[in-house]
Protein backbone atom coordinates (compact mmCIF):
# COMPACT_ATOMS: atom_id res chain seq x y z
CA UNK A 1 0.15 0.01 0.22
CA UNK A 2 1.29 3.84 -0.75
CA UNK A 3 0.03 6.40 0.89
CA UNK A 4 0.59 9.88 -1.51
CA UNK A 5 0.21 13.67 0.07
CA UNK A 6 -0.08 16.24 -1.74
CA UNK A 7 1.54 20.09 -1.25
CA UNK A 8 2.14 22.87 -2.86
CA UNK A 9 -1.36 24.05 -4.41
CA UNK A 10 -2.55 27.83 -3.93
CA UNK A 11 -3.71 30.60 -5.60
CA UNK A 12 -1.54 32.34 -8.02
CA UNK A 13 -2.42 34.81 -11.07
CA UNK A 14 -2.13 33.56 -14.78
CA UNK A 15 1.58 33.97 -15.97
CA UNK A 16 2.71 32.77 -12.55
CA UNK A 17 4.38 29.57 -11.16
CA UNK A 18 3.67 26.45 -8.76
CA UNK A 19 5.76 23.65 -7.49
CA UNK A 20 3.46 20.30 -6.48
CA UNK A 21 4.93 17.90 -4.54
CA UNK A 22 3.60 14.83 -3.49
CA UNK A 23 5.22 12.42 -0.61
CA UNK A 24 5.09 8.89 -0.73
CA UNK A 25 4.91 6.40 2.18
CA UNK A 26 6.78 2.97 1.96
CA UNK A 27 10.24 1.76 0.99
CA UNK A 28 8.86 0.55 -2.72
CA UNK A 29 8.89 4.41 -4.05
CA UNK A 30 11.74 3.87 -6.53
CA UNK A 31 9.91 0.86 -8.07
CA UNK A 32 6.40 3.09 -8.67
CA UNK A 33 5.42 5.21 -11.64
CA UNK A 34 4.15 8.28 -11.01
CA UNK A 35 1.74 10.25 -11.88
CA UNK A 36 -0.34 13.85 -12.02
CA UNK A 37 -3.95 14.32 -12.80
CA UNK A 38 -6.39 17.15 -12.40
CA UNK A 39 -10.32 17.93 -12.26
CA UNK A 40 -11.61 20.75 -12.96
CA UNK A 41 -15.55 21.17 -11.64
CA UNK A 42 -17.97 19.73 -14.00
CA UNK A 43 -15.13 17.53 -15.87
CA UNK A 44 -13.15 14.37 -16.08
CA UNK A 45 -10.11 13.59 -14.26
CA UNK A 46 -7.57 14.44 -16.50
CA UNK A 47 -3.88 13.05 -17.19
CA UNK A 48 -0.79 15.48 -16.60
CA UNK A 49 2.43 14.15 -16.83
CA UNK A 50 3.56 10.90 -15.36
CA UNK A 51 7.38 9.37 -15.08
CA UNK A 52 8.21 6.19 -14.52
CA UNK A 53 10.28 4.37 -11.83
CA UNK A 54 13.70 5.54 -13.30
CA UNK A 55 12.51 9.39 -14.82
CA UNK A 56 13.55 7.98 -17.97
CA UNK A 57 10.17 7.93 -19.41
CA UNK A 58 7.95 11.12 -19.20
CA UNK A 59 4.61 11.90 -20.47
CA UNK A 60 2.55 14.77 -20.97
CA UNK A 61 -0.95 15.69 -21.31
CA UNK A 62 -1.57 17.46 -24.63
CA UNK A 63 -2.40 20.85 -23.32
CA UNK A 64 1.05 21.27 -21.04
CA UNK A 65 2.60 21.97 -24.29
CA UNK A 66 5.92 22.85 -22.52
CA UNK A 67 4.44 24.96 -19.61
CA UNK A 68 4.67 22.19 -16.63
CA UNK A 69 7.57 19.51 -15.70
CA UNK A 70 7.50 16.27 -13.93
CA UNK A 71 10.25 14.87 -11.87
CA UNK A 72 11.12 12.61 -9.00
CA UNK A 73 13.76 12.24 -6.33
CA UNK A 74 13.58 8.56 -5.10
CA UNK A 75 15.76 9.29 -2.21
CA UNK A 76 13.26 11.42 -0.47
CA UNK A 77 10.00 9.67 -1.89
CA UNK A 78 8.61 12.39 -3.65
CA UNK A 79 7.30 13.41 -6.76
CA UNK A 80 7.47 17.16 -8.59
CA UNK A 81 5.47 19.09 -10.85
CA UNK A 82 6.51 22.70 -11.63
CA UNK A 83 3.94 24.23 -13.36
CA UNK A 84 4.72 27.44 -15.42
CA UNK A 85 2.95 29.96 -17.03
CA UNK A 86 -0.53 29.47 -15.88
CA UNK A 87 -3.43 29.89 -17.29
CA UNK A 88 -7.26 30.38 -15.47
CA UNK A 89 -8.07 27.01 -17.58
CA UNK A 90 -5.32 25.07 -15.25
CA UNK A 91 -7.44 25.71 -12.25
CA UNK A 92 -8.56 22.25 -11.02
CA UNK A 93 -7.74 19.80 -7.90
CA UNK A 94 -4.32 18.14 -8.66
CA UNK A 95 -4.10 14.96 -7.88
CA UNK A 96 -0.69 12.60 -7.58
CA UNK A 97 -1.50 8.77 -8.59
CA UNK A 98 0.92 5.91 -8.05
CA UNK A 99 1.26 2.79 -9.76
CA UNK A 100 3.62 -0.19 -10.35
CA UNK A 101 3.75 -0.23 -13.52
CA UNK A 102 4.63 1.71 -16.66
CA UNK A 103 3.38 5.14 -16.87
CA UNK A 104 0.04 5.29 -18.66
CA UNK A 105 -2.15 8.22 -19.46
CA UNK A 106 -5.21 5.86 -18.41
CA UNK A 107 -6.51 6.95 -14.86
CA UNK A 108 -8.11 3.60 -14.71
CA UNK A 109 -5.09 2.02 -14.51
CA UNK A 110 -3.70 3.77 -11.76
CA UNK A 111 -3.69 2.29 -8.45
CA UNK A 112 -3.32 4.57 -5.88
CA UNK A 113 -4.87 8.20 -5.58
CA UNK A 114 -3.64 11.19 -2.70
CA UNK A 115 -6.43 13.29 -2.10
CA UNK A 116 -5.50 16.52 -4.18
CA UNK A 117 -4.44 19.81 -3.79
CA UNK A 118 -6.33 22.90 -5.25
CA UNK A 119 -4.64 24.98 -7.75
CA UNK A 120 -6.29 28.43 -8.63
CA UNK A 121 -4.94 30.49 -11.34
CA UNK A 122 -6.82 34.09 -11.43
CA UNK A 123 -6.82 36.08 -14.51
């Protein structure tokens, strides 16, 4: 079992930046693929970014367009999402996810989820 705790969300103006963190429990963090999803009110949860256990494979959602960067620190059991050039449409609850498998954009294949952190971008 993996417990995930997100932090770093908040209110930011359009064009600003935020860095989200996800701290994971357990001694096998380095074996897990890690991902970020987001869900805006009235919309489905969508894939933002994912990174495999070693950091050698990284995927991004189409809307990211070079604005976000995912990274991980296996020594600290933490995955990060650096978000730049934020837009009001990036407003959502951002969720961290983990799975003992490959990185995938399919949210149904991620086994473990955090509680989420709110990101609000004002115009």
